[in-house]
């Protein structure tokens, strides 16, 4: 079996005031993911390495890290695709708590701010809330977000201003605004309309490139700008 060199940025605040790089050599074959490699390091080489992971199937979104400067899911990145040393560090734009673990509180706050769930005024009933395939198709592309936060690490605006709601929150707001079962659009629009909402996006588009589920946050934000402009125009006419 061949070996691959990993250079991992370590941060152990109880021991060192500043981060440092540590190199490891791990065995690999064509099926070895980066998460497999990190597990090998922890189990066989250095048990102090800290990182998050859970499902190993690109569903939970917890194993996000920077790989050679690009946000990636560890379970969906394979050592075979990197001919040279892999440089692994914690997700950009988030405070690092330890090694590859970041504090995602601001990300979760932004998600909560847009109320990413169905809001309805209808009385509860046992009857199913039906949708046509065409109604589903309107928002389906934006419903695959797994809240991994990779798009925030790719977003230069979020890097400059963490008050910016960011790609995932704006995408989820748009996803529920497009849902025929939802009646919460007017509750969400103030978040999209404010300075740190859709209008802070400069459409770099890197968020869409790094999404491991092929969601297109850049498209959602741009469509959100149209909805925001319509909402503000209607408000002007209403006085």
Protein backbone atom coordinates (compact mmCIF):
# COMPACT_ATOMS: atom_id res chain seq x y z
CA UNK A 1 0.00 0.00 0.00
CA UNK A 2 1.27 3.49 -0.87
CA UNK A 3 1.65 6.28 1.66
CA UNK A 4 0.64 9.95 1.57
CA UNK A 5 1.89 12.86 3.61
CA UNK A 6 -0.60 15.02 5.49
CA UNK A 7 0.38 18.40 6.89
CA UNK A 8 -2.20 19.28 9.53
CA UNK A 9 -2.53 22.64 11.23
CA UNK A 10 -2.74 21.96 14.94
CA UNK A 11 -4.08 24.34 17.56
CA UNK A 12 -3.90 23.26 21.17
CA UNK A 13 -4.72 26.40 23.14
CA UNK A 14 -3.98 24.72 26.46
CA UNK A 15 -0.39 24.04 25.28
CA UNK A 16 0.50 26.53 22.52
CA UNK A 17 -0.67 30.11 22.03
CA UNK A 18 -0.41 29.91 18.25
CA UNK A 19 -1.23 27.24 15.64
CA UNK A 20 1.55 25.09 14.18
CA UNK A 21 1.86 22.51 11.40
CA UNK A 22 2.48 18.84 12.06
CA UNK A 23 3.19 16.23 9.40
CA UNK A 24 1.96 12.64 9.31
CA UNK A 25 2.43 9.83 6.81
CA UNK A 26 -0.58 7.58 6.27
CA UNK A 27 -1.19 4.45 4.13
CA UNK A 28 -3.80 4.80 1.42
CA UNK A 29 -5.41 3.17 -1.59
CA UNK A 30 -8.03 4.35 -4.08
CA UNK A 31 -10.82 4.07 -1.48
CA UNK A 32 -9.10 6.06 1.30
CA UNK A 33 -10.95 9.26 2.11
CA UNK A 34 -9.44 12.18 3.97
CA UNK A 35 -11.68 11.28 6.91
CA UNK A 36 -10.23 7.74 6.85
CA UNK A 37 -6.77 9.29 6.93
CA UNK A 38 -7.62 11.55 9.88
CA UNK A 39 -9.05 8.54 11.72
CA UNK A 40 -5.80 6.66 11.03
CA UNK A 41 -3.77 9.55 12.44
CA UNK A 42 -5.89 9.66 15.59
CA UNK A 43 -6.02 5.89 16.13
CA UNK A 44 -2.44 4.99 15.16
CA UNK A 45 -0.20 8.06 15.31
CA UNK A 46 -1.49 10.83 17.58
CA UNK A 47 -4.59 10.43 19.73
CA UNK A 48 -4.65 14.13 20.60
CA UNK A 49 -5.83 15.19 17.11
CA UNK A 50 -9.33 16.73 17.30
CA UNK A 51 -11.87 17.00 14.48
CA UNK A 52 -15.59 16.44 13.91
CA UNK A 53 -17.20 13.63 11.98
CA UNK A 54 -20.23 11.38 12.14
CA UNK A 55 -22.01 9.77 9.19
CA UNK A 56 -19.15 9.23 6.66
CA UNK A 57 -21.73 9.61 3.85
CA UNK A 58 -21.87 13.39 3.13
CA UNK A 59 -25.16 13.66 4.99
CA UNK A 60 -24.36 15.11 8.41
CA UNK A 61 -22.01 17.82 7.12
CA UNK A 62 -19.81 17.71 10.21
CA UNK A 63 -16.39 16.81 8.73
CA UNK A 64 -15.71 20.05 6.85
CA UNK A 65 -12.06 21.18 6.68
CA UNK A 66 -9.81 23.17 4.39
CA UNK A 67 -7.84 20.96 1.97
CA UNK A 68 -5.05 22.86 0.24
CA UNK A 69 -7.02 26.05 0.92
CA UNK A 70 -10.36 24.78 -0.44
CA UNK A 71 -13.37 23.93 1.80
CA UNK A 72 -14.10 20.20 1.55
CA UNK A 73 -15.94 17.43 3.36
CA UNK A 74 -13.40 14.93 4.70
CA UNK A 75 -15.65 11.97 3.87
CA UNK A 76 -16.06 13.09 0.26
CA UNK A 77 -12.41 13.91 -0.45
CA UNK A 78 -10.08 11.10 -1.48
CA UNK A 79 -6.32 10.95 -1.10
CA UNK A 80 -6.00 9.49 -4.61
CA UNK A 81 -7.01 12.88 -6.04
CA UNK A 82 -4.06 14.71 -4.48
CA UNK A 83 -0.66 13.93 -6.02
CA UNK A 84 1.30 15.88 -3.41
CA UNK A 85 1.12 16.60 0.32
CA UNK A 86 -2.33 17.53 1.59
CA UNK A 87 -2.42 20.65 3.76
CA UNK A 88 -5.34 20.31 6.17
CA UNK A 89 -6.62 23.14 8.37
CA UNK A 90 -9.83 24.19 10.09
CA UNK A 91 -12.61 25.83 8.06
CA UNK A 92 -11.80 29.45 7.23
CA UNK A 93 -13.77 32.40 8.63
CA UNK A 94 -14.75 30.60 11.84
CA UNK A 95 -13.02 30.85 15.24
CA UNK A 96 -10.90 27.75 15.84
CA UNK A 97 -11.55 26.00 19.13
CA UNK A 98 -9.03 23.17 18.78
CA UNK A 99 -7.14 21.64 15.84
CA UNK A 100 -9.79 21.19 13.09
CA UNK A 101 -12.79 22.06 15.26
CA UNK A 102 -14.41 25.46 14.73
CA UNK A 103 -17.05 27.41 16.62
CA UNK A 104 -20.11 27.55 14.33
CA UNK A 105 -22.37 29.54 16.63
CA UNK A 106 -22.61 32.55 14.31
CA UNK A 107 -23.49 30.24 11.40
CA UNK A 108 -26.27 28.60 13.42
CA UNK A 109 -27.54 32.02 14.53
CA UNK A 110 -27.81 33.12 10.89
CA UNK A 111 -29.72 29.95 9.99
CA UNK A 112 -32.15 30.49 12.87
CA UNK A 113 -32.69 34.15 11.88
CA UNK A 114 -34.38 33.20 8.59
CA UNK A 115 -36.77 30.73 10.24
CA UNK A 116 -35.85 27.75 7.98
CA UNK A 117 -39.01 25.75 8.48
CA UNK A 118 -42.58 25.74 7.23
CA UNK A 119 -44.69 28.56 8.65
CA UNK A 120 -48.41 28.19 8.12
CA UNK A 121 -51.53 29.87 9.41
CA UNK A 122 -53.69 26.87 8.63
CA UNK A 123 -55.22 24.89 11.49
CA UNK A 124 -53.56 21.54 12.19
CA UNK A 125 -55.19 18.70 10.36
CA UNK A 126 -54.54 15.03 9.70
CA UNK A 127 -54.90 15.61 5.96
CA UNK A 128 -51.65 15.56 3.91
CA UNK A 129 -50.49 18.87 2.48
CA UNK A 130 -50.18 17.94 -1.16
CA UNK A 131 -47.87 19.48 -3.77
CA UNK A 132 -47.66 19.03 -7.50
CA UNK A 133 -44.33 17.99 -9.07
CA UNK A 134 -44.06 21.50 -10.52
CA UNK A 135 -44.47 23.08 -7.06
CA UNK A 136 -41.79 20.75 -5.66
CA UNK A 137 -39.43 21.52 -8.51
CA UNK A 138 -39.45 25.24 -7.64
CA UNK A 139 -37.49 24.75 -4.42
CA UNK A 140 -36.09 21.20 -4.62
CA UNK A 141 -32.63 22.28 -5.80
CA UNK A 142 -32.25 24.46 -2.70
CA UNK A 143 -33.48 21.85 -0.23
CA UNK A 144 -30.38 19.62 -0.30
CA UNK A 145 -28.31 21.83 2.02
CA UNK A 146 -26.73 19.79 4.84
CA UNK A 147 -25.60 22.82 6.89
CA UNK A 148 -21.92 21.92 6.56
CA UNK A 149 -20.78 25.55 6.47
CA UNK A 150 -18.37 25.06 3.52
CA UNK A 151 -20.05 27.90 1.63
CA UNK A 152 -19.29 30.30 4.52
CA UNK A 153 -15.61 29.36 4.40
CA UNK A 154 -15.68 30.06 0.65
CA UNK A 155 -17.51 33.40 0.99
CA UNK A 156 -15.24 36.47 1.02
CA UNK A 157 -18.07 38.69 2.23
CA UNK A 158 -18.66 36.52 5.30
CA UNK A 159 -14.91 36.59 5.88
CA UNK A 160 -15.03 40.39 5.97
CA UNK A 161 -18.31 40.81 7.82
CA UNK A 162 -19.73 38.04 9.95
CA UNK A 163 -23.02 39.94 10.29
CA UNK A 164 -23.68 38.99 6.65
CA UNK A 165 -26.37 36.29 6.71
CA UNK A 166 -24.36 34.27 4.24
CA UNK A 167 -25.04 31.71 1.50
CA UNK A 168 -26.69 28.85 3.40
CA UNK A 169 -29.09 31.00 5.44
CA UNK A 170 -30.15 32.99 2.37
CA UNK A 171 -30.57 29.78 0.37
CA UNK A 172 -32.78 28.23 3.03
CA UNK A 173 -34.85 31.39 3.30
CA UNK A 174 -35.39 31.29 -0.46
CA UNK A 175 -36.15 27.57 -0.35
CA UNK A 176 -39.01 28.08 2.14
CA UNK A 177 -40.26 31.23 0.42
CA UNK A 178 -40.69 29.15 -2.75
CA UNK A 179 -42.54 26.34 -0.97
CA UNK A 180 -46.28 26.37 -1.79
CA UNK A 181 -47.07 25.04 1.71
CA UNK A 182 -45.33 27.96 3.44
CA UNK A 183 -46.87 31.27 4.48
CA UNK A 184 -43.87 32.79 6.23
CA UNK A 185 -42.36 34.86 3.44
CA UNK A 186 -43.31 38.21 4.96
CA UNK A 187 -41.67 37.17 8.22
CA UNK A 188 -38.41 36.35 6.42
CA UNK A 189 -38.21 39.29 4.01
CA UNK A 190 -36.95 41.82 6.62
CA UNK A 191 -33.87 39.59 7.07
CA UNK A 192 -33.28 39.41 3.30
CA UNK A 193 -33.91 43.15 2.82
CA UNK A 194 -31.50 44.42 5.47
CA UNK A 195 -27.96 45.56 4.68
CA UNK A 196 -26.45 42.24 5.80
CA UNK A 197 -29.04 40.28 3.78
CA UNK A 198 -29.00 39.52 0.05
CA UNK A 199 -27.58 42.92 -0.93
CA UNK A 200 -24.22 42.30 0.77
CA UNK A 201 -23.50 39.43 -1.64
CA UNK A 202 -21.10 40.45 -4.42
CA UNK A 203 -21.77 37.27 -6.42
CA UNK A 204 -18.31 35.77 -6.35
CA UNK A 205 -20.01 32.39 -6.72
CA UNK A 206 -17.35 30.29 -4.95
CA UNK A 207 -20.08 29.14 -2.52
CA UNK A 208 -21.77 27.22 -5.33
CA UNK A 209 -18.48 25.68 -6.48
CA UNK A 210 -17.61 24.19 -3.08
CA UNK A 211 -21.08 22.91 -2.12
CA UNK A 212 -20.73 19.12 -1.65
CA UNK A 213 -24.44 18.59 -2.45
CA UNK A 214 -24.45 20.67 -5.67
CA UNK A 215 -26.81 23.25 -4.23
CA UNK A 216 -26.44 26.63 -5.96
CA UNK A 217 -26.44 29.27 -3.19
CA UNK A 218 -25.32 31.99 -5.61
CA UNK A 219 -28.46 31.46 -7.69
CA UNK A 220 -30.64 31.47 -4.56
CA UNK A 221 -29.12 34.76 -3.39
CA UNK A 222 -29.57 36.37 -6.80
CA UNK A 223 -33.20 35.24 -6.96
CA UNK A 224 -33.53 36.54 -3.40
CA UNK A 225 -32.38 39.95 -4.60
CA UNK A 226 -35.23 40.00 -7.12
CA UNK A 227 -37.71 39.09 -4.39
CA UNK A 228 -36.21 41.71 -2.08
CA UNK A 229 -36.50 44.44 -4.75
CA UNK A 230 -40.13 43.49 -5.38
CA UNK A 231 -40.88 43.45 -1.67
CA UNK A 232 -39.33 46.89 -1.09
CA UNK A 233 -41.09 48.35 -4.15
CA UNK A 234 -44.46 47.06 -2.96
CA UNK A 235 -43.77 48.54 0.47
CA UNK A 236 -43.10 51.94 -1.13
CA UNK A 237 -46.41 51.86 -3.02
CA UNK A 238 -48.24 50.86 0.13
CA UNK A 239 -46.63 53.77 1.93
